[in-house]
mmCIF file of all heavy atoms, coordinates in Angstrom:
data_MODEL
# 
_entry.id   MODEL 
# 
loop_
_atom_site.group_PDB 
_atom_site.id 
_atom_site.type_symbol 
_atom_site.label_atom_id 
_atom_site.label_alt_id 
_atom_site.label_comp_id 
_atom_site.label_asym_id 
_atom_site.label_entity_id 
_atom_site.label_seq_id 
_atom_site.pdbx_PDB_ins_code 
_atom_site.Cartn_x 
_atom_site.Cartn_y 
_atom_site.Cartn_z 
_atom_site.occupancy 
_atom_site.B_iso_or_equiv 
_atom_site.pdbx_formal_charge 
_atom_site.auth_seq_id 
_atom_site.auth_comp_id 
_atom_site.auth_asym_id 
_atom_site.auth_atom_id 
_atom_site.pdbx_PDB_model_num 
ATOM 1   N N   . LEU A 1 1  ? 75.801 88.507  90.125  1.00 0.00 ? 1  LEU A N   1 
ATOM 2   C CA  . LEU A 1 1  ? 75.300 89.644  90.888  1.00 0.00 ? 1  LEU A CA  1 
ATOM 3   C C   . LEU A 1 1  ? 73.780 89.733  90.757  1.00 0.00 ? 1  LEU A C   1 
ATOM 4   O O   . LEU A 1 1  ? 73.185 89.193  89.823  1.00 0.00 ? 1  LEU A O   1 
ATOM 5   C CB  . LEU A 1 1  ? 75.939 90.946  90.380  1.00 0.00 ? 1  LEU A CB  1 
ATOM 6   C CG  . LEU A 1 1  ? 77.446 91.072  90.586  1.00 0.00 ? 1  LEU A CG  1 
ATOM 7   C CD1 . LEU A 1 1  ? 77.946 92.355  89.933  1.00 0.00 ? 1  LEU A CD1 1 
ATOM 8   C CD2 . LEU A 1 1  ? 77.798 91.057  92.058  1.00 0.00 ? 1  LEU A CD2 1 
ATOM 9   N N   . ARG A 1 2  ? 73.174 90.431  91.688  1.00 0.00 ? 2  ARG A N   1 
ATOM 10  C CA  . ARG A 1 2  ? 71.725 90.638  91.643  1.00 0.00 ? 2  ARG A CA  1 
ATOM 11  C C   . ARG A 1 2  ? 71.378 91.663  90.562  1.00 0.00 ? 2  ARG A C   1 
ATOM 12  O O   . ARG A 1 2  ? 72.070 92.673  90.423  1.00 0.00 ? 2  ARG A O   1 
ATOM 13  C CB  . ARG A 1 2  ? 71.216 91.171  92.978  1.00 0.00 ? 2  ARG A CB  1 
ATOM 14  C CG  . ARG A 1 2  ? 71.317 90.196  94.112  1.00 0.00 ? 2  ARG A CG  1 
ATOM 15  C CD  . ARG A 1 2  ? 70.831 90.813  95.380  1.00 0.00 ? 2  ARG A CD  1 
ATOM 16  N NE  . ARG A 1 2  ? 71.656 92.014  95.645  1.00 0.00 ? 2  ARG A NE  1 
ATOM 17  C CZ  . ARG A 1 2  ? 71.383 92.926  96.560  1.00 0.00 ? 2  ARG A CZ  1 
ATOM 18  N NH1 . ARG A 1 2  ? 70.317 92.810  97.299  1.00 0.00 ? 2  ARG A NH1 1 
ATOM 19  N NH2 . ARG A 1 2  ? 72.172 93.951  96.750  1.00 0.00 ? 2  ARG A NH2 1 
ATOM 20  N N   . PRO A 1 3  ? 70.307 91.438  89.814  1.00 0.00 ? 3  PRO A N   1 
ATOM 21  C CA  . PRO A 1 3  ? 69.857 92.461  88.869  1.00 0.00 ? 3  PRO A CA  1 
ATOM 22  C C   . PRO A 1 3  ? 69.365 93.683  89.638  1.00 0.00 ? 3  PRO A C   1 
ATOM 23  O O   . PRO A 1 3  ? 68.549 93.547  90.549  1.00 0.00 ? 3  PRO A O   1 
ATOM 24  C CB  . PRO A 1 3  ? 68.708 91.796  88.119  1.00 0.00 ? 3  PRO A CB  1 
ATOM 25  C CG  . PRO A 1 3  ? 68.685 90.372  88.533  1.00 0.00 ? 3  PRO A CG  1 
ATOM 26  C CD  . PRO A 1 3  ? 69.516 90.231  89.753  1.00 0.00 ? 3  PRO A CD  1 
ATOM 27  N N   . MET A 1 4  ? 69.873 94.837  89.287  1.00 0.00 ? 4  MET A N   1 
ATOM 28  C CA  . MET A 1 4  ? 69.497 96.070  89.984  1.00 0.00 ? 4  MET A CA  1 
ATOM 29  C C   . MET A 1 4  ? 68.767 97.055  89.062  1.00 0.00 ? 4  MET A C   1 
ATOM 30  O O   . MET A 1 4  ? 68.219 98.034  89.526  1.00 0.00 ? 4  MET A O   1 
ATOM 31  C CB  . MET A 1 4  ? 70.746 96.745  90.550  1.00 0.00 ? 4  MET A CB  1 
ATOM 32  C CG  . MET A 1 4  ? 71.542 95.893  91.521  1.00 0.00 ? 4  MET A CG  1 
ATOM 33  S SD  . MET A 1 4  ? 70.676 95.474  93.026  1.00 0.00 ? 4  MET A SD  1 
ATOM 34  C CE  . MET A 1 4  ? 70.796 96.997  93.919  1.00 0.00 ? 4  MET A CE  1 
ATOM 35  N N   . ASP A 1 5  ? 68.789 96.790  87.761  1.00 0.00 ? 5  ASP A N   1 
ATOM 36  C CA  . ASP A 1 5  ? 68.173 97.695  86.797  1.00 0.00 ? 5  ASP A CA  1 
ATOM 37  C C   . ASP A 1 5  ? 66.913 97.065  86.200  1.00 0.00 ? 5  ASP A C   1 
ATOM 38  O O   . ASP A 1 5  ? 66.716 95.848  86.269  1.00 0.00 ? 5  ASP A O   1 
ATOM 39  C CB  . ASP A 1 5  ? 69.174 98.037  85.685  1.00 0.00 ? 5  ASP A CB  1 
ATOM 40  C CG  . ASP A 1 5  ? 70.390 98.790  86.224  1.00 0.00 ? 5  ASP A CG  1 
ATOM 41  O OD1 . ASP A 1 5  ? 70.272 99.447  87.271  1.00 0.00 ? 5  ASP A OD1 1 
ATOM 42  O OD2 . ASP A 1 5  ? 71.449 98.703  85.590  1.00 0.00 ? 5  ASP A OD2 1 
ATOM 43  N N   . MET A 1 6  ? 66.094 97.889  85.581  1.00 0.00 ? 6  MET A N   1 
ATOM 44  C CA  . MET A 1 6  ? 64.819 97.449  85.012  1.00 0.00 ? 6  MET A CA  1 
ATOM 45  C C   . MET A 1 6  ? 64.994 96.388  83.925  1.00 0.00 ? 6  MET A C   1 
ATOM 46  O O   . MET A 1 6  ? 64.108 95.579  83.708  1.00 0.00 ? 6  MET A O   1 
ATOM 47  C CB  . MET A 1 6  ? 64.062 98.639  84.433  1.00 0.00 ? 6  MET A CB  1 
ATOM 48  C CG  . MET A 1 6  ? 63.713 99.673  85.483  1.00 0.00 ? 6  MET A CG  1 
ATOM 49  S SD  . MET A 1 6  ? 62.463 99.072  86.591  1.00 0.00 ? 6  MET A SD  1 
ATOM 50  C CE  . MET A 1 6  ? 61.049 99.874  85.922  1.00 0.00 ? 6  MET A CE  1 
ATOM 51  N N   . ASP A 1 7  ? 66.135 96.372  83.258  1.00 0.00 ? 7  ASP A N   1 
ATOM 52  C CA  . ASP A 1 7  ? 66.363 95.411  82.170  1.00 0.00 ? 7  ASP A CA  1 
ATOM 53  C C   . ASP A 1 7  ? 66.882 94.060  82.669  1.00 0.00 ? 7  ASP A C   1 
ATOM 54  O O   . ASP A 1 7  ? 67.248 93.194  81.874  1.00 0.00 ? 7  ASP A O   1 
ATOM 55  C CB  . ASP A 1 7  ? 67.297 95.986  81.115  1.00 0.00 ? 7  ASP A CB  1 
ATOM 56  C CG  . ASP A 1 7  ? 68.712 96.239  81.632  1.00 0.00 ? 7  ASP A CG  1 
ATOM 57  O OD1 . ASP A 1 7  ? 68.968 96.032  82.842  1.00 0.00 ? 7  ASP A OD1 1 
ATOM 58  O OD2 . ASP A 1 7  ? 69.560 96.642  80.829  1.00 0.00 ? 7  ASP A OD2 1 
ATOM 59  N N   . GLY A 1 8  ? 66.934 93.868  83.997  1.00 0.00 ? 8  GLY A N   1 
ATOM 60  C CA  . GLY A 1 8  ? 67.377 92.596  84.553  1.00 0.00 ? 8  GLY A CA  1 
ATOM 61  C C   . GLY A 1 8  ? 68.876 92.446  84.672  1.00 0.00 ? 8  GLY A C   1 
ATOM 62  O O   . GLY A 1 8  ? 69.381 91.351  84.900  1.00 0.00 ? 8  GLY A O   1 
ATOM 63  N N   . THR A 1 9  ? 69.615 93.549  84.497  1.00 0.00 ? 9  THR A N   1 
ATOM 64  C CA  . THR A 1 9  ? 71.073 93.517  84.628  1.00 0.00 ? 9  THR A CA  1 
ATOM 65  C C   . THR A 1 9  ? 71.501 94.518  85.696  1.00 0.00 ? 9  THR A C   1 
ATOM 66  O O   . THR A 1 9  ? 70.682 95.003  86.473  1.00 0.00 ? 9  THR A O   1 
ATOM 67  C CB  . THR A 1 9  ? 71.776 93.844  83.291  1.00 0.00 ? 9  THR A CB  1 
ATOM 68  O OG1 . THR A 1 9  ? 71.471 95.184  82.914  1.00 0.00 ? 9  THR A OG1 1 
ATOM 69  C CG2 . THR A 1 9  ? 71.368 92.880  82.197  1.00 0.00 ? 9  THR A CG2 1 
ATOM 70  N N   . SER A 1 10 ? 72.765 94.830  85.703  1.00 0.00 ? 10 SER A N   1 
ATOM 71  C CA  . SER A 1 10 ? 73.337 95.792  86.634  1.00 0.00 ? 10 SER A CA  1 
ATOM 72  C C   . SER A 1 10 ? 74.498 96.488  85.931  1.00 0.00 ? 10 SER A C   1 
ATOM 73  O O   . SER A 1 10 ? 74.981 96.009  84.913  1.00 0.00 ? 10 SER A O   1 
ATOM 74  C CB  . SER A 1 10 ? 73.834 95.041  87.876  1.00 0.00 ? 10 SER A CB  1 
ATOM 75  O OG  . SER A 1 10 ? 74.149 95.925  88.905  1.00 0.00 ? 10 SER A OG  1 
ATOM 76  N N   . ASP A 1 11 ? 74.914 97.626  86.447  1.00 0.00 ? 11 ASP A N   1 
ATOM 77  C CA  . ASP A 1 11 ? 76.079 98.358  85.947  1.00 0.00 ? 11 ASP A CA  1 
ATOM 78  C C   . ASP A 1 11 ? 77.086 98.460  87.097  1.00 0.00 ? 11 ASP A C   1 
ATOM 79  O O   . ASP A 1 11 ? 77.279 99.520  87.682  1.00 0.00 ? 11 ASP A O   1 
ATOM 80  C CB  . ASP A 1 11 ? 75.680 99.756  85.454  1.00 0.00 ? 11 ASP A CB  1 
ATOM 81  C CG  . ASP A 1 11 ? 74.622 99.720  84.376  1.00 0.00 ? 11 ASP A CG  1 
ATOM 82  O OD1 . ASP A 1 11 ? 74.765 98.917  83.447  1.00 0.00 ? 11 ASP A OD1 1 
ATOM 83  O OD2 . ASP A 1 11 ? 73.646 100.484 84.466  1.00 0.00 ? 11 ASP A OD2 1 
ATOM 84  N N   . PRO A 1 12 ? 77.734 97.339  87.448  1.00 0.00 ? 12 PRO A N   1 
ATOM 85  C CA  . PRO A 1 12 ? 78.522 97.271  88.677  1.00 0.00 ? 12 PRO A CA  1 
ATOM 86  C C   . PRO A 1 12 ? 79.898 97.919  88.595  1.00 0.00 ? 12 PRO A C   1 
ATOM 87  O O   . PRO A 1 12 ? 80.526 97.979  87.543  1.00 0.00 ? 12 PRO A O   1 
ATOM 88  C CB  . PRO A 1 12 ? 78.655 95.776  88.913  1.00 0.00 ? 12 PRO A CB  1 
ATOM 89  C CG  . PRO A 1 12 ? 78.570 95.170  87.559  1.00 0.00 ? 12 PRO A CG  1 
ATOM 90  C CD  . PRO A 1 12 ? 77.665 96.046  86.769  1.00 0.00 ? 12 PRO A CD  1 
ATOM 91  N N   . TYR A 1 13 ? 80.318 98.384  89.767  1.00 0.00 ? 13 TYR A N   1 
ATOM 92  C CA  . TYR A 1 13 ? 81.692 98.825  89.978  1.00 0.00 ? 13 TYR A CA  1 
ATOM 93  C C   . TYR A 1 13 ? 82.050 98.520  91.429  1.00 0.00 ? 13 TYR A C   1 
ATOM 94  O O   . TYR A 1 13 ? 81.175 98.283  92.268  1.00 0.00 ? 13 TYR A O   1 
ATOM 95  C CB  . TYR A 1 13 ? 81.886 100.304 89.648  1.00 0.00 ? 13 TYR A CB  1 
ATOM 96  C CG  . TYR A 1 13 ? 81.134 101.283 90.519  1.00 0.00 ? 13 TYR A CG  1 
ATOM 97  C CD1 . TYR A 1 13 ? 81.749 101.895 91.605  1.00 0.00 ? 13 TYR A CD1 1 
ATOM 98  C CD2 . TYR A 1 13 ? 79.814 101.631 90.241  1.00 0.00 ? 13 TYR A CD2 1 
ATOM 99  C CE1 . TYR A 1 13 ? 81.068 102.810 92.395  1.00 0.00 ? 13 TYR A CE1 1 
ATOM 100 C CE2 . TYR A 1 13 ? 79.128 102.544 91.017  1.00 0.00 ? 13 TYR A CE2 1 
ATOM 101 C CZ  . TYR A 1 13 ? 79.763 103.133 92.095  1.00 0.00 ? 13 TYR A CZ  1 
ATOM 102 O OH  . TYR A 1 13 ? 79.085 104.043 92.882  1.00 0.00 ? 13 TYR A OH  1 
ATOM 103 N N   . VAL A 1 14 ? 83.344 98.496  91.731  1.00 0.00 ? 14 VAL A N   1 
ATOM 104 C CA  . VAL A 1 14 ? 83.826 98.160  93.067  1.00 0.00 ? 14 VAL A CA  1 
ATOM 105 C C   . VAL A 1 14 ? 84.443 99.399  93.704  1.00 0.00 ? 14 VAL A C   1 
ATOM 106 O O   . VAL A 1 14 ? 85.180 100.143 93.052  1.00 0.00 ? 14 VAL A O   1 
ATOM 107 C CB  . VAL A 1 14 ? 84.873 97.020  93.007  1.00 0.00 ? 14 VAL A CB  1 
ATOM 108 C CG1 . VAL A 1 14 ? 85.437 96.728  94.391  1.00 0.00 ? 14 VAL A CG1 1 
ATOM 109 C CG2 . VAL A 1 14 ? 84.258 95.767  92.409  1.00 0.00 ? 14 VAL A CG2 1 
ATOM 110 N N   . VAL A 1 15 ? 84.131 99.599  94.978  1.00 0.00 ? 15 VAL A N   1 
ATOM 111 C CA  . VAL A 1 15 ? 84.727 100.670 95.771  1.00 0.00 ? 15 VAL A CA  1 
ATOM 112 C C   . VAL A 1 15 ? 85.658 100.019 96.801  1.00 0.00 ? 15 VAL A C   1 
ATOM 113 O O   . VAL A 1 15 ? 85.245 99.118  97.530  1.00 0.00 ? 15 VAL A O   1 
ATOM 114 C CB  . VAL A 1 15 ? 83.654 101.502 96.501  1.00 0.00 ? 15 VAL A CB  1 
ATOM 115 C CG1 . VAL A 1 15 ? 84.297 102.586 97.350  1.00 0.00 ? 15 VAL A CG1 1 
ATOM 116 C CG2 . VAL A 1 15 ? 82.669 102.104 95.505  1.00 0.00 ? 15 VAL A CG2 1 
ATOM 117 N N   . LEU A 1 16 ? 86.898 100.482 96.832  1.00 0.00 ? 16 LEU A N   1 
ATOM 118 C CA  . LEU A 1 16 ? 87.897 100.016 97.801  1.00 0.00 ? 16 LEU A CA  1 
ATOM 119 C C   . LEU A 1 16 ? 88.236 101.181 98.717  1.00 0.00 ? 16 LEU A C   1 
ATOM 120 O O   . LEU A 1 16 ? 88.517 102.286 98.232  1.00 0.00 ? 16 LEU A O   1 
ATOM 121 C CB  . LEU A 1 16 ? 89.163 99.553  97.091  1.00 0.00 ? 16 LEU A CB  1 
ATOM 122 C CG  . LEU A 1 16 ? 88.988 98.485  96.014  1.00 0.00 ? 16 LEU A CG  1 
ATOM 123 C CD1 . LEU A 1 16 ? 90.266 98.352  95.196  1.00 0.00 ? 16 LEU A CD1 1 
ATOM 124 C CD2 . LEU A 1 16 ? 88.612 97.162  96.638  1.00 0.00 ? 16 LEU A CD2 1 
ATOM 125 N N   . GLN A 1 17 ? 88.196 100.939 100.046 1.00 0.00 ? 17 GLN A N   1 
ATOM 126 C CA  . GLN A 1 17 ? 88.496 102.004 100.999 1.00 0.00 ? 17 GLN A CA  1 
ATOM 127 C C   . GLN A 1 17 ? 89.407 101.502 102.102 1.00 0.00 ? 17 GLN A C   1 
ATOM 128 O O   . GLN A 1 17 ? 89.183 100.411 102.643 1.00 0.00 ? 17 GLN A O   1 
ATOM 129 C CB  . GLN A 1 17 ? 87.218 102.524 101.661 1.00 0.00 ? 17 GLN A CB  1 
ATOM 130 C CG  . GLN A 1 17 ? 86.336 103.320 100.735 1.00 0.00 ? 17 GLN A CG  1 
ATOM 131 C CD  . GLN A 1 17 ? 85.110 103.818 101.467 1.00 0.00 ? 17 GLN A CD  1 
ATOM 132 O OE1 . GLN A 1 17 ? 84.138 103.084 101.605 1.00 0.00 ? 17 GLN A OE1 1 
ATOM 133 N NE2 . GLN A 1 17 ? 85.170 105.048 101.925 1.00 0.00 ? 17 GLN A NE2 1 
ATOM 134 N N   . ILE A 1 18 ? 90.416 102.302 102.426 1.00 0.00 ? 18 ILE A N   1 
ATOM 135 C CA  . ILE A 1 18 ? 91.292 102.026 103.565 1.00 0.00 ? 18 ILE A CA  1 
ATOM 136 C C   . ILE A 1 18 ? 91.998 103.324 103.957 1.00 0.00 ? 18 ILE A C   1 
ATOM 137 O O   . ILE A 1 18 ? 92.431 104.091 103.082 1.00 0.00 ? 18 ILE A O   1 
ATOM 138 C CB  . ILE A 1 18 ? 92.308 100.895 103.261 1.00 0.00 ? 18 ILE A CB  1 
ATOM 139 C CG1 . ILE A 1 18 ? 92.986 100.415 104.534 1.00 0.00 ? 18 ILE A CG1 1 
ATOM 140 C CG2 . ILE A 1 18 ? 93.294 101.305 102.199 1.00 0.00 ? 18 ILE A CG2 1 
ATOM 141 C CD1 . ILE A 1 18 ? 93.773 99.130  104.388 1.00 0.00 ? 18 ILE A CD1 1 
ATOM 142 N N   . GLU A 1 19 ? 92.072 103.599 105.257 1.00 0.00 ? 19 GLU A N   1 
ATOM 143 C CA  . GLU A 1 19 ? 92.803 104.752 105.797 1.00 0.00 ? 19 GLU A CA  1 
ATOM 144 C C   . GLU A 1 19 ? 92.552 106.049 105.021 1.00 0.00 ? 19 GLU A C   1 
ATOM 145 O O   . GLU A 1 19 ? 93.478 106.667 104.510 1.00 0.00 ? 19 GLU A O   1 
ATOM 146 C CB  . GLU A 1 19 ? 94.299 104.465 105.833 1.00 0.00 ? 19 GLU A CB  1 
ATOM 147 C CG  . GLU A 1 19 ? 94.701 103.423 106.834 1.00 0.00 ? 19 GLU A CG  1 
ATOM 148 C CD  . GLU A 1 19 ? 96.205 103.297 106.979 1.00 0.00 ? 19 GLU A CD  1 
ATOM 149 O OE1 . GLU A 1 19 ? 96.961 103.930 106.220 1.00 0.00 ? 19 GLU A OE1 1 
ATOM 150 O OE2 . GLU A 1 19 ? 96.625 102.549 107.882 1.00 0.00 ? 19 GLU A OE2 1 
ATOM 151 N N   . ASP A 1 20 ? 91.332 106.476 104.916 1.00 0.00 ? 20 ASP A N   1 
ATOM 152 C CA  . ASP A 1 20 ? 90.971 107.733 104.241 1.00 0.00 ? 20 ASP A CA  1 
ATOM 153 C C   . ASP A 1 20 ? 91.296 107.743 102.745 1.00 0.00 ? 20 ASP A C   1 
ATOM 154 O O   . ASP A 1 20 ? 91.344 108.804 102.127 1.00 0.00 ? 20 ASP A O   1 
ATOM 155 C CB  . ASP A 1 20 ? 91.646 108.943 104.901 1.00 0.00 ? 20 ASP A CB  1 
ATOM 156 C CG  . ASP A 1 20 ? 91.218 109.121 106.343 1.00 0.00 ? 20 ASP A CG  1 
ATOM 157 O OD1 . ASP A 1 20 ? 90.048 108.812 106.652 1.00 0.00 ? 20 ASP A OD1 1 
ATOM 158 O OD2 . ASP A 1 20 ? 92.049 109.575 107.156 1.00 0.00 ? 20 ASP A OD2 1 
ATOM 159 N N   . GLN A 1 21 ? 91.544 106.590 102.162 1.00 0.00 ? 21 GLN A N   1 
ATOM 160 C CA  . GLN A 1 21 ? 91.777 106.483 100.725 1.00 0.00 ? 21 GLN A CA  1 
ATOM 161 C C   . GLN A 1 21 ? 90.615 105.705 100.117 1.00 0.00 ? 21 GLN A C   1 
ATOM 162 O O   . GLN A 1 21 ? 90.189 104.692 100.658 1.00 0.00 ? 21 GLN A O   1 
ATOM 163 C CB  . GLN A 1 21 ? 93.082 105.749 100.442 1.00 0.00 ? 21 GLN A CB  1 
ATOM 164 C CG  . GLN A 1 21 ? 94.306 106.440 101.024 1.00 0.00 ? 21 GLN A CG  1 
ATOM 165 C CD  . GLN A 1 21 ? 95.522 105.568 100.910 1.00 0.00 ? 21 GLN A CD  1 
ATOM 166 O OE1 . GLN A 1 21 ? 96.057 105.388 99.825  1.00 0.00 ? 21 GLN A OE1 1 
ATOM 167 N NE2 . GLN A 1 21 ? 95.961 105.013 102.029 1.00 0.00 ? 21 GLN A NE2 1 
ATOM 168 N N   . ARG A 1 22 ? 90.122 106.209 99.001  1.00 0.00 ? 22 ARG A N   1 
ATOM 169 C CA  . ARG A 1 22 ? 88.981 105.580 98.332  1.00 0.00 ? 22 ARG A CA  1 
ATOM 170 C C   . ARG A 1 22 ? 89.267 105.522 96.841  1.00 0.00 ? 22 ARG A C   1 
ATOM 171 O O   . ARG A 1 22 ? 89.620 106.534 96.233  1.00 0.00 ? 22 ARG A O   1 
ATOM 172 C CB  . ARG A 1 22 ? 87.723 106.410 98.581  1.00 0.00 ? 22 ARG A CB  1 
ATOM 173 C CG  . ARG A 1 22 ? 86.459 105.845 97.989  1.00 0.00 ? 22 ARG A CG  1 
ATOM 174 C CD  . ARG A 1 22 ? 85.280 106.758 98.326  1.00 0.00 ? 22 ARG A CD  1 
ATOM 175 N NE  . ARG A 1 22 ? 84.016 106.157 98.063  1.00 0.00 ? 22 ARG A NE  1 
ATOM 176 C CZ  . ARG A 1 22 ? 83.400 106.144 96.892  1.00 0.00 ? 22 ARG A CZ  1 
ATOM 177 N NH1 . ARG A 1 22 ? 83.960 106.736 95.852  1.00 0.00 ? 22 ARG A NH1 1 
ATOM 178 N NH2 . ARG A 1 22 ? 82.227 105.567 96.756  1.00 0.00 ? 22 ARG A NH2 1 
ATOM 179 N N   . ILE A 1 23 ? 89.112 104.340 96.254  1.00 0.00 ? 23 ILE A N   1 
ATOM 180 C CA  . ILE A 1 23 ? 89.350 104.146 94.819  1.00 0.00 ? 23 ILE A CA  1 
ATOM 181 C C   . ILE A 1 23 ? 88.198 103.333 94.257  1.00 0.00 ? 23 ILE A C   1 
ATOM 182 O O   . ILE A 1 23 ? 87.671 102.439 94.922  1.00 0.00 ? 23 ILE A O   1 
ATOM 183 C CB  . ILE A 1 23 ? 90.685 103.403 94.568  1.00 0.00 ? 23 ILE A CB  1 
ATOM 184 C CG1 . ILE A 1 23 ? 91.863 104.220 95.096  1.00 0.00 ? 23 ILE A CG1 1 
ATOM 185 C CG2 . ILE A 1 23 ? 90.870 103.110 93.088  1.00 0.00 ? 23 ILE A CG2 1 
ATOM 186 C CD1 . ILE A 1 23 ? 93.211 103.533 94.973  1.00 0.00 ? 23 ILE A CD1 1 
ATOM 187 N N   . GLU A 1 24 ? 87.790 103.643 93.028  1.00 0.00 ? 24 GLU A N   1 
ATOM 188 C CA  . GLU A 1 24 ? 86.722 102.904 92.353  1.00 0.00 ? 24 GLU A CA  1 
ATOM 189 C C   . GLU A 1 24 ? 87.243 102.296 91.057  1.00 0.00 ? 24 GLU A C   1 
ATOM 190 O O   . GLU A 1 24 ? 88.054 102.900 90.362  1.00 0.00 ? 24 GLU A O   1 
ATOM 191 C CB  . GLU A 1 24 ? 85.571 103.838 91.977  1.00 0.00 ? 24 GLU A CB  1 
ATOM 192 C CG  . GLU A 1 24 ? 84.876 104.473 93.133  1.00 0.00 ? 24 GLU A CG  1 
ATOM 193 C CD  . GLU A 1 24 ? 83.758 105.412 92.691  1.00 0.00 ? 24 GLU A CD  1 
ATOM 194 O OE1 . GLU A 1 24 ? 83.474 105.508 91.462  1.00 0.00 ? 24 GLU A OE1 1 
ATOM 195 O OE2 . GLU A 1 24 ? 83.175 106.058 93.568  1.00 0.00 ? 24 GLU A OE2 1 
ATOM 196 N N   . THR A 1 25 ? 86.726 101.112 90.735  1.00 0.00 ? 25 THR A N   1 
ATOM 197 C CA  . THR A 1 25 ? 86.991 100.537 89.422  1.00 0.00 ? 25 THR A CA  1 
ATOM 198 C C   . THR A 1 25 ? 86.128 101.266 88.399  1.00 0.00 ? 25 THR A C   1 
ATOM 199 O O   . THR A 1 25 ? 85.240 102.037 88.754  1.00 0.00 ? 25 THR A O   1 
ATOM 200 C CB  . THR A 1 25 ? 86.617 99.033  89.374  1.00 0.00 ? 25 THR A CB  1 
ATOM 201 O OG1 . THR A 1 25 ? 85.208 98.909  89.557  1.00 0.00 ? 25 THR A OG1 1 
ATOM 202 C CG2 . THR A 1 25 ? 87.377 98.227  90.396  1.00 0.00 ? 25 THR A CG2 1 
ATOM 203 N N   . ASN A 1 26 ? 86.360 100.978 87.144  1.00 0.00 ? 26 ASN A N   1 
ATOM 204 C CA  . ASN A 1 26 ? 85.437 101.429 86.103  1.00 0.00 ? 26 ASN A CA  1 
ATOM 205 C C   . ASN A 1 26 ? 84.146 100.636 86.248  1.00 0.00 ? 26 ASN A C   1 
ATOM 206 O O   . ASN A 1 26 ? 84.164 99.514  86.738  1.00 0.00 ? 26 ASN A O   1 
ATOM 207 C CB  . ASN A 1 26 ? 86.031 101.164 84.720  1.00 0.00 ? 26 ASN A CB  1 
ATOM 208 C CG  . ASN A 1 26 ? 87.236 102.027 84.457  1.00 0.00 ? 26 ASN A CG  1 
ATOM 209 O OD1 . ASN A 1 26 ? 87.208 103.226 84.671  1.00 0.00 ? 26 ASN A OD1 1 
ATOM 210 N ND2 . ASN A 1 26 ? 88.317 101.412 84.016  1.00 0.00 ? 26 ASN A ND2 1 
ATOM 211 N N   . TYR A 1 27 ? 83.040 101.215 85.838  1.00 0.00 ? 27 TYR A N   1 
ATOM 212 C CA  . TYR A 1 27 ? 81.804 100.437 85.896  1.00 0.00 ? 27 TYR A CA  1 
ATOM 213 C C   . TYR A 1 27 ? 81.624 99.672  84.595  1.00 0.00 ? 27 TYR A C   1 
ATOM 214 O O   . TYR A 1 27 ? 82.112 100.062 83.549  1.00 0.00 ? 27 TYR A O   1 
ATOM 215 C CB  . TYR A 1 27 ? 80.595 101.319 86.219  1.00 0.00 ? 27 TYR A CB  1 
ATOM 216 C CG  . TYR A 1 27 ? 79.987 102.074 85.067  1.00 0.00 ? 27 TYR A CG  1 
ATOM 217 C CD1 . TYR A 1 27 ? 78.915 101.533 84.367  1.00 0.00 ? 27 TYR A CD1 1 
ATOM 218 C CD2 . TYR A 1 27 ? 80.459 103.318 84.691  1.00 0.00 ? 27 TYR A CD2 1 
ATOM 219 C CE1 . TYR A 1 27 ? 78.344 102.222 83.308  1.00 0.00 ? 27 TYR A CE1 1 
ATOM 220 C CE2 . TYR A 1 27 ? 79.891 104.016 83.643  1.00 0.00 ? 27 TYR A CE2 1 
ATOM 221 C CZ  . TYR A 1 27 ? 78.833 103.455 82.955  1.00 0.00 ? 27 TYR A CZ  1 
ATOM 222 O OH  . TYR A 1 27 ? 78.272 104.138 81.911  1.00 0.00 ? 27 TYR A OH  1 
ATOM 223 N N   . LYS A 1 28 ? 80.979 98.523  84.708  1.00 0.00 ? 28 LYS A N   1 
ATOM 224 C CA  . LYS A 1 28 ? 80.731 97.647  83.560  1.00 0.00 ? 28 LYS A CA  1 
ATOM 225 C C   . LYS A 1 28 ? 79.239 97.697  83.245  1.00 0.00 ? 28 LYS A C   1 
ATOM 226 O O   . LYS A 1 28 ? 78.412 97.395  84.102  1.00 0.00 ? 28 LYS A O   1 
ATOM 227 C CB  . LYS A 1 28 ? 81.173 96.211  83.853  1.00 0.00 ? 28 LYS A CB  1 
ATOM 228 C CG  . LYS A 1 28 ? 82.650 96.085  84.173  1.00 0.00 ? 28 LYS A CG  1 
ATOM 229 C CD  . LYS A 1 28 ? 83.502 96.537  83.002  1.00 0.00 ? 28 LYS A CD  1 
ATOM 230 C CE  . LYS A 1 28 ? 84.981 96.416  83.311  1.00 0.00 ? 28 LYS A CE  1 
ATOM 231 N NZ  . LYS A 1 28 ? 85.816 96.793  82.182  1.00 0.00 ? 28 LYS A NZ  1 
ATOM 232 N N   . LYS A 1 29 ? 78.916 98.056  82.039  1.00 0.00 ? 29 LYS A N   1 
ATOM 233 C CA  . LYS A 1 29 ? 77.531 98.273  81.642  1.00 0.00 ? 29 LYS A CA  1 
ATOM 234 C C   . LYS A 1 29 ? 76.781 96.959  81.388  1.00 0.00 ? 29 LYS A C   1 
ATOM 235 O O   . LYS A 1 29 ? 77.283 96.064  80.726  1.00 0.00 ? 29 LYS A O   1 
ATOM 236 C CB  . LYS A 1 29 ? 77.501 99.139  80.381  1.00 0.00 ? 29 LYS A CB  1 
ATOM 237 C CG  . LYS A 1 29 ? 76.136 99.622  80.001  1.00 0.00 ? 29 LYS A CG  1 
ATOM 238 C CD  . LYS A 1 29 ? 76.234 100.706 78.951  1.00 0.00 ? 29 LYS A CD  1 
ATOM 239 C CE  . LYS A 1 29 ? 74.887 101.188 78.506  1.00 0.00 ? 29 LYS A CE  1 
ATOM 240 N NZ  . LYS A 1 29 ? 74.149 101.861 79.536  1.00 0.00 ? 29 LYS A NZ  1 
ATOM 241 N N   . SER A 1 30 ? 75.587 96.869  81.955  1.00 0.00 ? 30 SER A N   1 
ATOM 242 C CA  . SER A 1 30 ? 74.607 95.806  81.691  1.00 0.00 ? 30 SER A CA  1 
ATOM 243 C C   . SER A 1 30 ? 75.171 94.394  81.808  1.00 0.00 ? 30 SER A C   1 
ATOM 244 O O   . SER A 1 30 ? 75.120 93.611  80.865  1.00 0.00 ? 30 SER A O   1 
ATOM 245 C CB  . SER A 1 30 ? 73.987 96.007  80.304  1.00 0.00 ? 30 SER A CB  1 
ATOM 246 O OG  . SER A 1 30 ? 73.363 97.256  80.208  1.00 0.00 ? 30 SER A OG  1 
ATOM 247 N N   . THR A 1 31 ? 75.678 94.049  82.998  1.00 0.00 ? 31 THR A N   1 
ATOM 248 C CA  . THR A 1 31 ? 76.205 92.695  83.209  1.00 0.00 ? 31 THR A CA  1 
ATOM 249 C C   . THR A 1 31 ? 75.983 92.260  84.655  1.00 0.00 ? 31 THR A C   1 
ATOM 250 O O   . THR A 1 31 ? 75.958 93.090  85.567  1.00 0.00 ? 31 THR A O   1 
ATOM 251 C CB  . THR A 1 31 ? 77.705 92.601  82.860  1.00 0.00 ? 31 THR A CB  1 
ATOM 252 O OG1 . THR A 1 31 ? 78.129 91.253  83.032  1.00 0.00 ? 31 THR A OG1 1 
ATOM 253 C CG2 . THR A 1 31 ? 78.550 93.522  83.689  1.00 0.00 ? 31 THR A CG2 1 
# 
């Protein structure tokens, strides 16, 4: 993944959406 934070990492999570339903994964710190 692209680094998005000042420390050169990211805290990513995934958003899934279908038919007015939205679910997110847990976010993973500094990876």
